[in-house]
Amino acid sequence: MPRFSRRILMYRTPGYDDYKLFDYQKIDTGSVEPWSVLPKKSQIPLSEKQKLYLAAGHTFSYVVVHQNQIVKEYYSQDAGAKFRPNSFNLTQGILSLLVGSAIQDGYIKSVDQHVSDFYPEFYEKMNQGITIRNLLEMTSGLQPAKNMTKRWPFSLQAYYAKDLNKRILKMKSSEPPGETWHFTSANAQLLAMVIERASGMKISDYLEKKLWIPLGCAEPALWSVDDAGNEKAFCCFFATAKDLARIGQLILNEGYWDGRQIVSRDYLRNMITPVEGLRNAAGKEVNSWGWYWWITNYRGRQVIFSRGQMGQYLIIVPKENMIVVRQGELGSPDFTRINIPELYQLLDIAFQTSGVVL
């Protein structure tokens, strides 16, 4: 029995505290830039109904930033401001920003550069046509062989894999790139591999250099690695809610921070713009997908968000200069639905506690 199968049978469903199960890379901080916090006496309190909603969903952390200031913080009794749960697929939104940084640094020419420029061994069959854009748009055509997913879904195999990068390089396109939108974690993992090969740095070291230290993050983050030492770049990033909110602020700043353009402005604008012409295997239009970020509208406002299993959210509302971070243990499992009640509930609480007039 493969090792990942034994691990799946032993641990089953991935958890919010799985940094305890795996080795990890630590992402260190530099000079901390504390958030401005609205004084308690000036904050709009949560209603009892709102508190019950957050508690019922096993919410660990709920943080609202409005006009560059924290206006609401909620933590469960078993968490706190320094609690670092698994971000799951929300990690991919952060990974996308690192592509923009790699372009800004000149490591990557553009999103239309071929993956095979960095991994010549990937140049076979239809793989030679795959570009970074295809990975970002989830149109690479990469899919695991059917015999690999007969018992366990690929995402679960990847989560417990011994050498994930080796497994990724064995994958082949099932169709020409650019044709069909198919959400698979393989795209994000391969994207991280490209950034590593382009920059000559581990993805966790590059994140530390380009985001964690420049943004003045307050707490070290953790990134789980497999047995071969590869970061599980498609998931498994552990950080506090207030530090994740800095990622949202960087997006609101169009990639600019403390006098420096950290992420290419052109890249970032494309990242949060829905890709045109995407269709899934059923032929249904996918019109809300950016580059690892979802884009929708709610109450007359554009909403940009990245989401992970168990209801991890990093939400941005540009019109209100607002960021909402929610970390928890329960949430919608469907990653292809854009309009989901929990997103609206989290936004309504944020609007109310920020004093936004709807």
Protein backbone atom coordinates (compact mmCIF):
# COMPACT_ATOMS: atom_id res chain seq x y z
CA MET A 1 0.00 0.00 0.00
CA PRO A 2 1.43 3.43 -0.96
CA ARG A 3 2.56 5.57 1.94
CA PHE A 4 0.05 8.31 1.17
CA SER A 5 -2.74 5.68 1.35
CA ARG A 6 -1.59 4.65 4.81
CA ARG A 7 -1.55 8.29 5.87
CA ILE A 8 -5.01 8.90 4.45
CA LEU A 9 -6.37 5.91 6.34
CA MET A 10 -4.62 7.09 9.51
CA TYR A 11 -5.44 10.80 9.45
CA ARG A 12 -8.42 10.96 7.06
CA THR A 13 -9.72 14.49 6.58
CA PRO A 14 -7.10 17.27 6.57
CA GLY A 15 -7.34 19.51 9.62
CA TYR A 16 -6.81 23.11 10.62
CA ASP A 17 -3.87 22.21 12.89
CA ASP A 18 -2.02 19.80 10.60
CA TYR A 19 1.27 21.65 11.08
CA LYS A 20 1.53 19.21 13.99
CA LEU A 21 1.55 16.27 11.54
CA PHE A 22 4.12 17.49 9.04
CA ASP A 23 7.47 19.20 8.98
CA TYR A 24 7.29 22.82 7.92
CA GLN A 25 9.28 25.81 6.75
CA LYS A 26 9.10 28.82 9.01
CA ILE A 27 8.54 32.23 7.43
CA ASP A 28 10.16 34.80 9.69
CA THR A 29 9.18 38.41 10.29
CA GLY A 30 11.24 41.58 10.16
CA SER A 31 10.35 44.99 11.58
CA VAL A 32 6.71 44.78 12.64
CA GLU A 33 4.26 47.41 11.42
CA PRO A 34 1.36 47.27 13.90
CA TRP A 35 -2.15 47.77 12.60
CA SER A 36 -4.00 50.87 13.67
CA VAL A 37 -6.91 49.69 15.84
CA LEU A 38 -10.14 51.58 16.44
CA PRO A 39 -10.49 52.13 20.21
CA LYS A 40 -12.87 49.66 21.85
CA LYS A 41 -15.22 52.41 23.04
CA SER A 42 -15.66 53.55 19.43
CA GLN A 43 -16.24 50.09 17.96
CA ILE A 44 -19.71 48.92 16.96
CA PRO A 45 -20.36 45.76 18.98
CA LEU A 46 -21.42 42.48 17.45
CA SER A 47 -25.06 41.65 17.98
CA GLU A 48 -25.98 38.46 19.81
CA LYS A 49 -27.21 37.01 16.53
CA GLN A 50 -23.86 37.76 14.87
CA LYS A 51 -21.95 36.21 17.75
CA LEU A 52 -24.10 33.09 17.52
CA TYR A 53 -23.51 32.87 13.76
CA LEU A 54 -19.73 33.08 14.15
CA ALA A 55 -19.73 30.59 17.02
CA ALA A 56 -22.01 28.13 15.22
CA GLY A 57 -19.55 27.96 12.32
CA HIS A 58 -16.68 27.27 14.72
CA THR A 59 -15.08 30.57 13.75
CA PHE A 60 -11.60 30.93 15.25
CA SER A 61 -10.86 34.43 14.01
CA TYR A 62 -12.86 37.17 12.35
CA VAL A 63 -11.09 40.45 11.58
CA VAL A 64 -12.41 43.49 9.74
CA VAL A 65 -10.14 46.25 8.43
CA HIS A 66 -11.84 49.44 7.24
CA GLN A 67 -10.03 52.49 5.91
CA ASN A 68 -6.63 51.03 6.99
CA GLN A 69 -7.79 50.41 10.54
CA ILE A 70 -8.96 47.32 12.38
CA VAL A 71 -12.54 48.00 13.43
CA LYS A 72 -13.51 44.54 14.64
CA GLU A 73 -11.72 41.49 16.04
CA TYR A 74 -13.46 38.33 17.17
CA TYR A 75 -11.68 35.23 18.49
CA SER A 76 -13.10 32.03 19.86
CA GLN A 77 -12.19 30.91 23.36
CA ASP A 78 -9.81 28.24 22.06
CA ALA A 79 -8.05 30.62 19.63
CA GLY A 80 -6.69 34.14 19.90
CA ALA A 81 -4.91 36.84 17.93
CA LYS A 82 -1.83 34.61 17.45
CA PHE A 83 -3.73 31.51 16.36
CA ARG A 84 -2.50 30.11 13.01
CA PRO A 85 -4.91 27.63 11.38
CA ASN A 86 -4.46 26.07 7.96
CA SER A 87 -5.38 28.41 5.10
CA PHE A 88 -5.96 25.46 2.73
CA ASN A 89 -6.72 26.67 -0.82
CA LEU A 90 -6.68 30.31 0.27
CA THR A 91 -2.91 29.83 0.06
CA GLN A 92 -3.21 29.89 -3.72
CA GLY A 93 -4.32 33.52 -3.67
CA ILE A 94 -1.06 34.40 -1.92
CA LEU A 95 0.88 32.24 -4.36
CA SER A 96 -0.57 34.23 -7.25
CA LEU A 97 0.87 37.42 -5.78
CA LEU A 98 4.32 35.82 -5.81
CA VAL A 99 4.00 35.34 -9.56
CA GLY A 100 3.49 39.09 -9.83
CA SER A 101 6.54 39.65 -7.65
CA ALA A 102 8.63 37.30 -9.81
CA ILE A 103 7.58 39.30 -12.88
CA GLN A 104 8.38 42.56 -11.07
CA ASP A 105 11.83 41.14 -10.19
CA GLY A 106 12.48 40.01 -13.76
CA TYR A 107 12.64 36.30 -12.92
CA ILE A 108 9.62 35.60 -15.13
CA LYS A 109 9.18 37.43 -18.45
CA SER A 110 5.39 37.33 -18.49
CA VAL A 111 2.45 35.06 -17.78
CA ASP A 112 2.75 33.81 -21.35
CA GLN A 113 6.13 32.22 -20.69
CA HIS A 114 6.11 28.44 -21.09
CA VAL A 115 6.50 26.13 -18.13
CA SER A 116 9.00 24.11 -20.18
CA ASP A 117 11.35 27.14 -20.10
CA PHE A 118 11.88 26.29 -16.45
CA TYR A 119 11.31 22.54 -16.57
CA PRO A 120 12.61 21.16 -19.89
CA GLU A 121 11.74 17.67 -18.65
CA PHE A 122 8.12 18.75 -18.75
CA TYR A 123 8.34 19.16 -22.53
CA GLU A 124 6.52 16.12 -23.84
CA LYS A 125 3.21 15.28 -25.42
CA MET A 126 0.85 18.25 -24.97
CA ASN A 127 2.69 19.61 -21.93
CA GLN A 128 4.99 21.77 -24.05
CA GLY A 129 2.22 24.28 -24.73
CA ILE A 130 1.39 24.97 -21.08
CA THR A 131 2.08 28.54 -20.00
CA ILE A 132 2.03 30.28 -16.64
CA ARG A 133 -1.23 31.88 -17.76
CA ASN A 134 -2.76 28.40 -18.21
CA LEU A 135 -1.76 27.49 -14.66
CA LEU A 136 -3.30 30.70 -13.31
CA GLU A 137 -6.49 30.30 -15.32
CA MET A 138 -6.78 26.59 -14.41
CA THR A 139 -6.77 25.70 -18.12
CA SER A 140 -3.56 23.66 -18.28
CA GLY A 141 -5.36 20.44 -19.09
CA LEU A 142 -3.27 18.69 -16.44
CA GLN A 143 -5.11 15.84 -14.80
CA PRO A 144 -3.86 12.81 -12.90
CA ALA A 145 -4.22 9.42 -14.53
CA LYS A 146 -7.56 7.79 -13.75
CA ASN A 147 -5.88 4.88 -12.01
CA MET A 148 -4.32 7.42 -9.60
CA THR A 149 -7.68 8.81 -8.50
CA LYS A 150 -9.67 5.58 -8.48
CA ARG A 151 -9.61 5.32 -4.68
CA TRP A 152 -8.51 8.73 -3.43
CA PRO A 153 -8.99 12.18 -5.03
CA PHE A 154 -5.78 13.79 -6.26
CA SER A 155 -5.99 16.64 -3.73
CA LEU A 156 -5.91 14.13 -0.87
CA GLN A 157 -3.04 12.22 -2.45
CA ALA A 158 -1.14 15.49 -2.88
CA TYR A 159 -1.78 16.43 0.74
CA TYR A 160 -0.11 13.27 2.03
CA ALA A 161 2.39 12.70 -0.80
CA LYS A 162 6.00 11.71 -0.09
CA ASP A 163 7.42 13.77 -2.98
CA LEU A 164 4.70 15.99 -4.42
CA ASN A 165 6.87 17.78 -6.99
CA LYS A 166 8.03 14.49 -8.46
CA ARG A 167 4.41 13.41 -8.75
CA ILE A 168 3.49 16.69 -10.49
CA LEU A 169 6.22 16.33 -13.12
CA LYS A 170 4.82 12.94 -14.08
CA MET A 171 1.43 14.41 -14.98
CA LYS A 172 0.41 14.92 -18.61
CA SER A 173 -2.22 17.08 -20.28
CA SER A 174 -5.43 15.30 -21.12
CA GLU A 175 -6.32 18.01 -23.64
CA PRO A 176 -4.68 21.06 -25.28
CA PRO A 177 -4.02 23.88 -22.79
CA GLY A 178 -6.33 26.87 -22.79
CA GLU A 179 -9.51 24.96 -23.63
CA THR A 180 -11.23 23.93 -20.38
CA TRP A 181 -11.36 25.36 -16.87
CA HIS A 182 -10.70 22.61 -14.36
CA PHE A 183 -9.90 23.42 -10.75
CA THR A 184 -6.98 21.23 -9.67
CA SER A 185 -4.33 21.77 -7.04
CA ALA A 186 -1.71 20.49 -9.49
CA ASN A 187 -1.72 23.88 -11.25
CA ALA A 188 -0.82 25.77 -8.07
CA GLN A 189 1.89 23.31 -7.09
CA LEU A 190 3.48 23.52 -10.53
CA LEU A 191 3.26 27.30 -10.38
CA ALA A 192 5.24 27.32 -7.14
CA MET A 193 7.82 25.04 -8.75
CA VAL A 194 8.18 27.53 -11.60
CA ILE A 195 8.71 30.42 -9.16
CA GLU A 196 11.36 28.40 -7.34
CA ARG A 197 13.21 27.48 -10.52
CA ALA A 198 12.97 31.08 -11.81
CA SER A 199 14.09 32.80 -8.59
CA GLY A 200 16.53 30.17 -7.36
CA MET A 201 14.81 30.31 -3.96
CA LYS A 202 12.51 28.06 -1.99
CA ILE A 203 8.95 29.33 -2.28
CA SER A 204 8.79 29.94 1.48
CA ASP A 205 12.03 31.97 1.38
CA TYR A 206 10.74 33.99 -1.56
CA LEU A 207 7.48 34.70 0.29
CA GLU A 208 9.43 35.77 3.36
CA LYS A 209 11.59 38.12 1.29
CA LYS A 210 8.85 39.58 -0.91
CA LEU A 211 5.81 39.67 1.36
CA TRP A 212 6.20 38.71 5.00
CA ILE A 213 9.10 41.01 5.88
CA PRO A 214 8.18 43.99 3.63
CA LEU A 215 4.56 43.98 4.83
CA GLY A 216 5.66 44.15 8.46
CA CYS A 217 3.87 40.96 9.46
CA ALA A 218 3.73 40.47 13.22
CA GLU A 219 3.94 36.69 13.56
CA PRO A 220 5.99 34.01 11.79
CA ALA A 221 4.01 31.86 9.37
CA LEU A 222 4.43 28.14 8.70
CA TRP A 223 4.29 26.24 5.43
CA SER A 224 3.96 22.45 5.55
CA VAL A 225 6.43 20.38 3.53
CA ASP A 226 6.37 16.80 2.28
CA ASP A 227 9.00 14.16 3.06
CA ALA A 228 11.22 15.51 0.28
CA GLY A 229 11.12 19.02 1.75
CA ASN A 230 8.79 20.49 -0.89
CA GLU A 231 6.34 23.08 0.35
CA LYS A 232 2.74 22.04 -0.25
CA ALA A 233 2.23 25.24 -2.15
CA PHE A 234 -1.38 24.52 -3.12
CA CYS A 235 -2.39 24.62 0.55
CA CYS A 236 -1.04 24.24 4.04
CA PHE A 237 0.01 27.81 4.86
CA PHE A 238 -0.52 28.76 8.51
CA ALA A 239 -0.78 32.43 9.47
CA THR A 240 -2.73 34.74 11.77
CA ALA A 241 -5.82 36.57 10.59
CA LYS A 242 -4.25 40.01 11.07
CA ASP A 243 -1.22 39.08 8.99
CA LEU A 244 -3.42 37.66 6.22
CA ALA A 245 -5.24 40.99 6.24
CA ARG A 246 -1.98 42.63 5.15
CA ILE A 247 -2.19 40.61 1.94
CA GLY A 248 -5.59 42.20 1.37
CA GLN A 249 -4.17 45.65 2.04
CA LEU A 250 -1.39 45.05 -0.49
CA ILE A 251 -4.04 44.28 -3.11
CA LEU A 252 -5.97 47.42 -2.21
CA ASN A 253 -2.66 49.30 -2.60
CA GLU A 254 -2.27 47.82 -6.11
CA GLY A 255 0.91 46.02 -5.08
CA TYR A 256 2.54 49.11 -3.55
CA TRP A 257 3.88 49.18 0.02
CA ASP A 258 6.04 51.68 1.88
CA GLY A 259 7.43 53.31 -1.24
CA ARG A 260 8.05 50.08 -3.14
CA GLN A 261 6.17 48.31 -5.92
CA ILE A 262 6.25 44.75 -4.56
CA VAL A 263 3.89 43.21 -7.09
CA SER A 264 3.55 44.33 -10.70
CA ARG A 265 0.56 46.68 -10.91
CA ASP A 266 -0.47 45.37 -14.31
CA TYR A 267 -0.26 41.80 -13.08
CA LEU A 268 -2.31 42.56 -9.99
CA ARG A 269 -5.07 44.26 -11.97
CA ASN A 270 -5.31 41.22 -14.22
CA MET A 271 -5.23 38.94 -11.18
CA ILE A 272 -8.46 40.40 -9.83
CA THR A 273 -10.24 40.73 -13.18
CA PRO A 274 -12.48 37.82 -14.31
CA VAL A 275 -10.91 35.87 -17.16
CA GLU A 276 -13.07 36.02 -20.27
CA GLY A 277 -14.21 32.95 -22.16
CA LEU A 278 -13.61 30.32 -19.49
CA ARG A 279 -15.82 27.23 -19.65
CA ASN A 280 -15.79 24.07 -17.58
CA ALA A 281 -15.99 20.51 -18.88
CA ALA A 282 -19.79 20.74 -19.01
CA GLY A 283 -19.57 23.81 -21.25
CA LYS A 284 -20.83 26.14 -18.53
CA GLU A 285 -19.30 29.61 -18.47
CA VAL A 286 -17.00 30.39 -15.54
CA ASN A 287 -17.17 34.16 -15.41
CA SER A 288 -15.99 34.97 -11.89
CA TRP A 289 -12.47 33.50 -11.85
CA GLY A 290 -9.39 35.70 -11.84
CA TRP A 291 -5.91 34.36 -11.23
CA TYR A 292 -6.59 32.31 -8.07
CA TRP A 293 -9.08 34.94 -6.86
CA TRP A 294 -12.86 35.00 -7.23
CA ILE A 295 -14.65 38.20 -8.21
CA THR A 296 -18.33 38.84 -7.58
CA ASN A 297 -20.73 41.65 -6.59
CA TYR A 298 -22.77 42.09 -3.45
CA ARG A 299 -24.96 45.01 -2.43
CA GLY A 300 -23.68 47.06 -5.34
CA ARG A 301 -20.03 46.51 -4.48
CA GLN A 302 -17.33 44.51 -6.18
CA VAL A 303 -16.06 41.75 -3.91
CA ILE A 304 -12.72 39.97 -4.42
CA PHE A 305 -11.95 36.90 -2.36
CA SER A 306 -9.83 33.82 -1.93
CA ARG A 307 -11.27 30.83 -0.11
CA GLY A 308 -10.07 27.62 1.51
CA GLN A 309 -11.62 24.51 2.97
CA MET A 310 -13.52 24.80 6.25
CA GLY A 311 -14.52 28.36 5.41
CA GLN A 312 -11.19 30.20 5.32
CA TYR A 313 -11.76 33.60 3.70
CA LEU A 314 -9.73 36.61 2.69
CA ILE A 315 -12.24 39.12 1.32
CA ILE A 316 -11.59 42.54 -0.21
CA VAL A 317 -14.18 45.25 -0.93
CA PRO A 318 -12.33 47.98 -2.85
CA LYS A 319 -15.17 50.54 -2.79
CA GLU A 320 -15.14 50.54 1.01
CA ASN A 321 -11.36 50.07 1.39
CA MET A 322 -12.32 47.00 3.43
CA ILE A 323 -10.69 43.66 4.20
CA VAL A 324 -12.37 40.76 5.97
CA VAL A 325 -10.56 37.66 7.22
CA ARG A 326 -12.41 34.65 8.56
CA GLN A 327 -10.71 31.50 9.86
CA GLY A 328 -12.69 28.55 11.13
CA GLU A 329 -13.51 24.87 11.18
CA LEU A 330 -16.82 24.76 9.29
CA GLY A 331 -17.64 26.18 5.88
CA SER A 332 -18.99 25.50 2.42
CA PRO A 333 -17.07 22.65 0.71
CA ASP A 334 -17.97 23.75 -2.82
CA PHE A 335 -15.15 25.73 -4.49
CA THR A 336 -16.94 26.26 -7.79
CA ARG A 337 -19.87 28.17 -6.31
CA ILE A 338 -19.37 31.90 -6.27
CA ASN A 339 -22.56 33.06 -4.56
CA ILE A 340 -22.71 31.34 -1.21
CA PRO A 341 -24.66 32.41 1.91
CA GLU A 342 -21.66 32.35 4.26
CA LEU A 343 -19.82 34.91 2.12
CA TYR A 344 -22.81 37.25 2.31
CA GLN A 345 -23.15 36.73 6.07
CA LEU A 346 -19.50 37.58 6.66
CA LEU A 347 -19.83 40.70 4.51
CA ASP A 348 -23.03 41.85 6.22
CA ILE A 349 -21.36 41.60 9.62
CA ALA A 350 -18.38 43.55 8.28
CA PHE A 351 -20.57 46.28 6.78
CA GLN A 352 -22.54 46.63 10.00
CA THR A 353 -19.52 46.74 12.32
CA SER A 354 -17.77 49.23 10.02
CA GLY A 355 -20.75 51.58 9.96
CA VAL A 356 -21.09 51.27 6.19
CA VAL A 357 -24.39 52.67 4.95
CA LEU A 358 -25.93 50.24 2.47
